[in-house]
């Protein structure tokens, strides 16, 4: 029984990693920045999802842009995607939510190498 659980865990962790690769591959030419927040960077397991923070230049409202990203990616794992414009990201920079989220962030892609 434990072997079966271990195998499921291994397969799911592989799906998580492949999903991260897909996110970067499909979005890097469309966005300013992609990062992982939440538990995945420190603990990939059967109960882990991907929490993805994206910064993208767009005129679309929040729901439209997130819907577009979900449909573009079609990931085989659970993912929570937050997508801000650069201006929204800058405004949110001092919020407790974003400060906490960025504490253990793993930047996957950034158009410019200069960080905040």
C-alpha atoms as a PDB file:
ATOM      1  CA  UNK A   1       0.000   0.000   0.000  1.00  0.00           C
ATOM      2  CA  UNK A   2       2.784   2.449   0.889  1.00  0.00           C
ATOM      3  CA  UNK A   3       4.503   1.683  -2.433  1.00  0.00           C
ATOM      4  CA  UNK A   4       1.328   2.656  -4.289  1.00  0.00           C
ATOM      5  CA  UNK A   5       1.104   5.945  -2.367  1.00  0.00           C
ATOM      6  CA  UNK A   6       4.777   6.644  -3.038  1.00  0.00           C
ATOM      7  CA  UNK A   7       4.253   5.999  -6.754  1.00  0.00           C
ATOM      8  CA  UNK A   8       1.212   8.315  -6.846  1.00  0.00           C
ATOM      9  CA  UNK A   9       3.210  10.972  -5.048  1.00  0.00           C
ATOM     10  CA  UNK A  10       6.099  10.629  -7.501  1.00  0.00           C
ATOM     11  CA  UNK A  11       3.771  10.893 -10.509  1.00  0.00           C
ATOM     12  CA  UNK A  12       1.989  13.923  -9.092  1.00  0.00           C
ATOM     13  CA  UNK A  13       5.264  15.688  -8.299  1.00  0.00           C
ATOM     14  CA  UNK A  14       6.316  15.055 -11.915  1.00  0.00           C
ATOM     15  CA  UNK A  15       3.014  16.567 -13.109  1.00  0.00           C
ATOM     16  CA  UNK A  16       3.635  19.616 -10.919  1.00  0.00           C
ATOM     17  CA  UNK A  17       7.114  20.073 -12.372  1.00  0.00           C
ATOM     18  CA  UNK A  18       5.906  19.621 -15.958  1.00  0.00           C
ATOM     19  CA  UNK A  19       3.129  22.124 -15.277  1.00  0.00           C
ATOM     20  CA  UNK A  20       5.686  24.680 -14.094  1.00  0.00           C
ATOM     21  CA  UNK A  21       7.607  24.169 -17.342  1.00  0.00           C
ATOM     22  CA  UNK A  22       4.415  24.593 -19.388  1.00  0.00           C
ATOM     23  CA  UNK A  23       3.547  27.807 -17.558  1.00  0.00           C
ATOM     24  CA  UNK A  24       6.904  29.367 -18.394  1.00  0.00           C
ATOM     25  CA  UNK A  25       6.932  28.051 -21.961  1.00  0.00           C
ATOM     26  CA  UNK A  26       3.441  29.292 -22.825  1.00  0.00           C
ATOM     27  CA  UNK A  27       3.544  32.628 -20.999  1.00  0.00           C
ATOM     28  CA  UNK A  28       7.095  33.982 -21.166  1.00  0.00           C
ATOM     29  CA  UNK A  29       6.488  35.902 -24.411  1.00  0.00           C
ATOM     30  CA  UNK A  30       3.228  37.364 -23.109  1.00  0.00           C
ATOM     31  CA  UNK A  31       4.070  38.495 -19.573  1.00  0.00           C
ATOM     32  CA  UNK A  32       6.527  40.595 -17.602  1.00  0.00           C
ATOM     33  CA  UNK A  33       6.987  38.165 -14.724  1.00  0.00           C
ATOM     34  CA  UNK A  34       6.013  34.683 -13.501  1.00  0.00           C
ATOM     35  CA  UNK A  35       6.627  33.395 -10.003  1.00  0.00           C
ATOM     36  CA  UNK A  36       5.510  30.632  -7.693  1.00  0.00           C
ATOM     37  CA  UNK A  37       4.220  31.518  -4.268  1.00  0.00           C
ATOM     38  CA  UNK A  38       2.654  29.321  -1.630  1.00  0.00           C
ATOM     39  CA  UNK A  39       3.744  25.844  -0.594  1.00  0.00           C
ATOM     40  CA  UNK A  40       4.946  24.274  -3.853  1.00  0.00           C
ATOM     41  CA  UNK A  41       8.486  25.692  -3.799  1.00  0.00           C
ATOM     42  CA  UNK A  42       9.124  24.194  -0.360  1.00  0.00           C
ATOM     43  CA  UNK A  43       6.839  21.139  -0.320  1.00  0.00           C
ATOM     44  CA  UNK A  44       5.700  19.304  -3.425  1.00  0.00           C
ATOM     45  CA  UNK A  45       3.285  16.547  -2.430  1.00  0.00           C
ATOM     46  CA  UNK A  46      -0.061  14.997  -3.324  1.00  0.00           C
ATOM     47  CA  UNK A  47      -1.930  17.817  -1.611  1.00  0.00           C
ATOM     48  CA  UNK A  48       0.077  20.647  -3.167  1.00  0.00           C
ATOM     49  CA  UNK A  49      -1.272  22.924  -5.849  1.00  0.00           C
ATOM     50  CA  UNK A  50       0.512  25.621  -7.820  1.00  0.00           C
ATOM     51  CA  UNK A  51       0.058  29.206  -6.690  1.00  0.00           C
ATOM     52  CA  UNK A  52       1.185  31.322  -9.619  1.00  0.00           C
ATOM     53  CA  UNK A  53       1.697  35.078  -9.559  1.00  0.00           C
ATOM     54  CA  UNK A  54       1.831  36.704 -12.991  1.00  0.00           C
ATOM     55  CA  UNK A  55       2.522  40.305 -13.924  1.00  0.00           C
ATOM     56  CA  UNK A  56       1.253  41.145 -17.402  1.00  0.00           C
ATOM     57  CA  UNK A  57       0.597  44.271 -19.432  1.00  0.00           C
ATOM     58  CA  UNK A  58      -3.031  44.153 -20.501  1.00  0.00           C
ATOM     59  CA  UNK A  59      -6.168  46.235 -20.755  1.00  0.00           C
ATOM     60  CA  UNK A  60      -8.367  43.286 -19.745  1.00  0.00           C
ATOM     61  CA  UNK A  61      -9.991  43.264 -16.338  1.00  0.00           C
ATOM     62  CA  UNK A  62      -8.817  40.864 -13.654  1.00  0.00           C
ATOM     63  CA  UNK A  63     -11.351  38.103 -14.385  1.00  0.00           C
ATOM     64  CA  UNK A  64     -10.878  38.233 -18.149  1.00  0.00           C
ATOM     65  CA  UNK A  65      -7.098  37.969 -17.929  1.00  0.00           C
ATOM     66  CA  UNK A  66      -7.182  35.110 -15.401  1.00  0.00           C
ATOM     67  CA  UNK A  67      -9.766  33.241 -17.479  1.00  0.00           C
ATOM     68  CA  UNK A  68      -7.565  33.670 -20.560  1.00  0.00           C
ATOM     69  CA  UNK A  69      -4.507  32.323 -18.734  1.00  0.00           C
ATOM     70  CA  UNK A  70      -6.357  29.290 -17.352  1.00  0.00           C
ATOM     71  CA  UNK A  71      -7.675  28.384 -20.808  1.00  0.00           C
ATOM     72  CA  UNK A  72      -4.274  28.909 -22.423  1.00  0.00           C
ATOM     73  CA  UNK A  73      -2.498  26.678 -19.908  1.00  0.00           C
ATOM     74  CA  UNK A  74      -4.980  23.806 -19.379  1.00  0.00           C
ATOM     75  CA  UNK A  75      -2.844  22.352 -16.587  1.00  0.00           C
ATOM     76  CA  UNK A  76      -3.260  18.761 -15.330  1.00  0.00           C
ATOM     77  CA  UNK A  77      -2.857  19.923 -11.696  1.00  0.00           C
ATOM     78  CA  UNK A  78      -4.738  22.364  -9.497  1.00  0.00           C
ATOM     79  CA  UNK A  79      -3.484  25.906  -9.852  1.00  0.00           C
ATOM     80  CA  UNK A  80      -4.448  29.224  -8.332  1.00  0.00           C
ATOM     81  CA  UNK A  81      -3.454  32.023 -10.662  1.00  0.00           C
ATOM     82  CA  UNK A  82      -3.227  35.678  -9.711  1.00  0.00           C
ATOM     83  CA  UNK A  83      -2.512  38.090 -12.529  1.00  0.00           C
ATOM     84  CA  UNK A  84      -1.745  41.760 -11.943  1.00  0.00           C
ATOM     85  CA  UNK A  85      -0.803  44.507 -14.328  1.00  0.00           C
ATOM     86  CA  UNK A  86       2.576  46.116 -13.521  1.00  0.00           C
ATOM     87  CA  UNK A  87       0.715  49.095 -12.048  1.00  0.00           C
ATOM     88  CA  UNK A  88      -1.483  46.894  -9.851  1.00  0.00           C
ATOM     89  CA  UNK A  89       1.558  44.916  -8.738  1.00  0.00           C
ATOM     90  CA  UNK A  90       3.362  48.117  -7.748  1.00  0.00           C
ATOM     91  CA  UNK A  91       0.315  49.381  -5.804  1.00  0.00           C
ATOM     92  CA  UNK A  92      -0.034  46.025  -4.041  1.00  0.00           C
ATOM     93  CA  UNK A  93       3.668  45.954  -3.141  1.00  0.00           C
ATOM     94  CA  UNK A  94       3.005  47.241   0.393  1.00  0.00           C
ATOM     95  CA  UNK A  95      -0.038  45.070   1.088  1.00  0.00           C
ATOM     96  CA  UNK A  96       0.337  42.434   3.775  1.00  0.00           C
ATOM     97  CA  UNK A  97      -0.970  39.786   1.349  1.00  0.00           C
ATOM     98  CA  UNK A  98       1.689  40.462  -1.268  1.00  0.00           C
ATOM     99  CA  UNK A  99       4.487  40.921   1.255  1.00  0.00           C
ATOM    100  CA  UNK A 100       3.678  37.507   2.758  1.00  0.00           C
ATOM    101  CA  UNK A 101       3.337  35.880  -0.669  1.00  0.00           C
ATOM    102  CA  UNK A 102       6.694  37.218  -1.849  1.00  0.00           C
ATOM    103  CA  UNK A 103       8.624  36.053   1.226  1.00  0.00           C
ATOM    104  CA  UNK A 104       9.240  32.599  -0.241  1.00  0.00           C
ATOM    105  CA  UNK A 105       8.569  33.381  -3.861  1.00  0.00           C
ATOM    106  CA  UNK A 106      10.441  31.568  -6.606  1.00  0.00           C
ATOM    107  CA  UNK A 107      10.757  33.702  -9.730  1.00  0.00           C
ATOM    108  CA  UNK A 108      10.444  31.513 -12.815  1.00  0.00           C
ATOM    109  CA  UNK A 109      10.688  34.239 -15.424  1.00  0.00           C
ATOM    110  CA  UNK A 110      11.262  37.960 -15.396  1.00  0.00           C
ATOM    111  CA  UNK A 111      11.450  39.997 -18.578  1.00  0.00           C
ATOM    112  CA  UNK A 112      13.984  42.399 -17.047  1.00  0.00           C
ATOM    113  CA  UNK A 113      16.599  41.272 -14.586  1.00  0.00           C
ATOM    114  CA  UNK A 114      16.095  44.293 -12.326  1.00  0.00           C
ATOM    115  CA  UNK A 115      14.019  43.411  -9.274  1.00  0.00           C
ATOM    116  CA  UNK A 116      12.003  45.780  -7.116  1.00  0.00           C
END
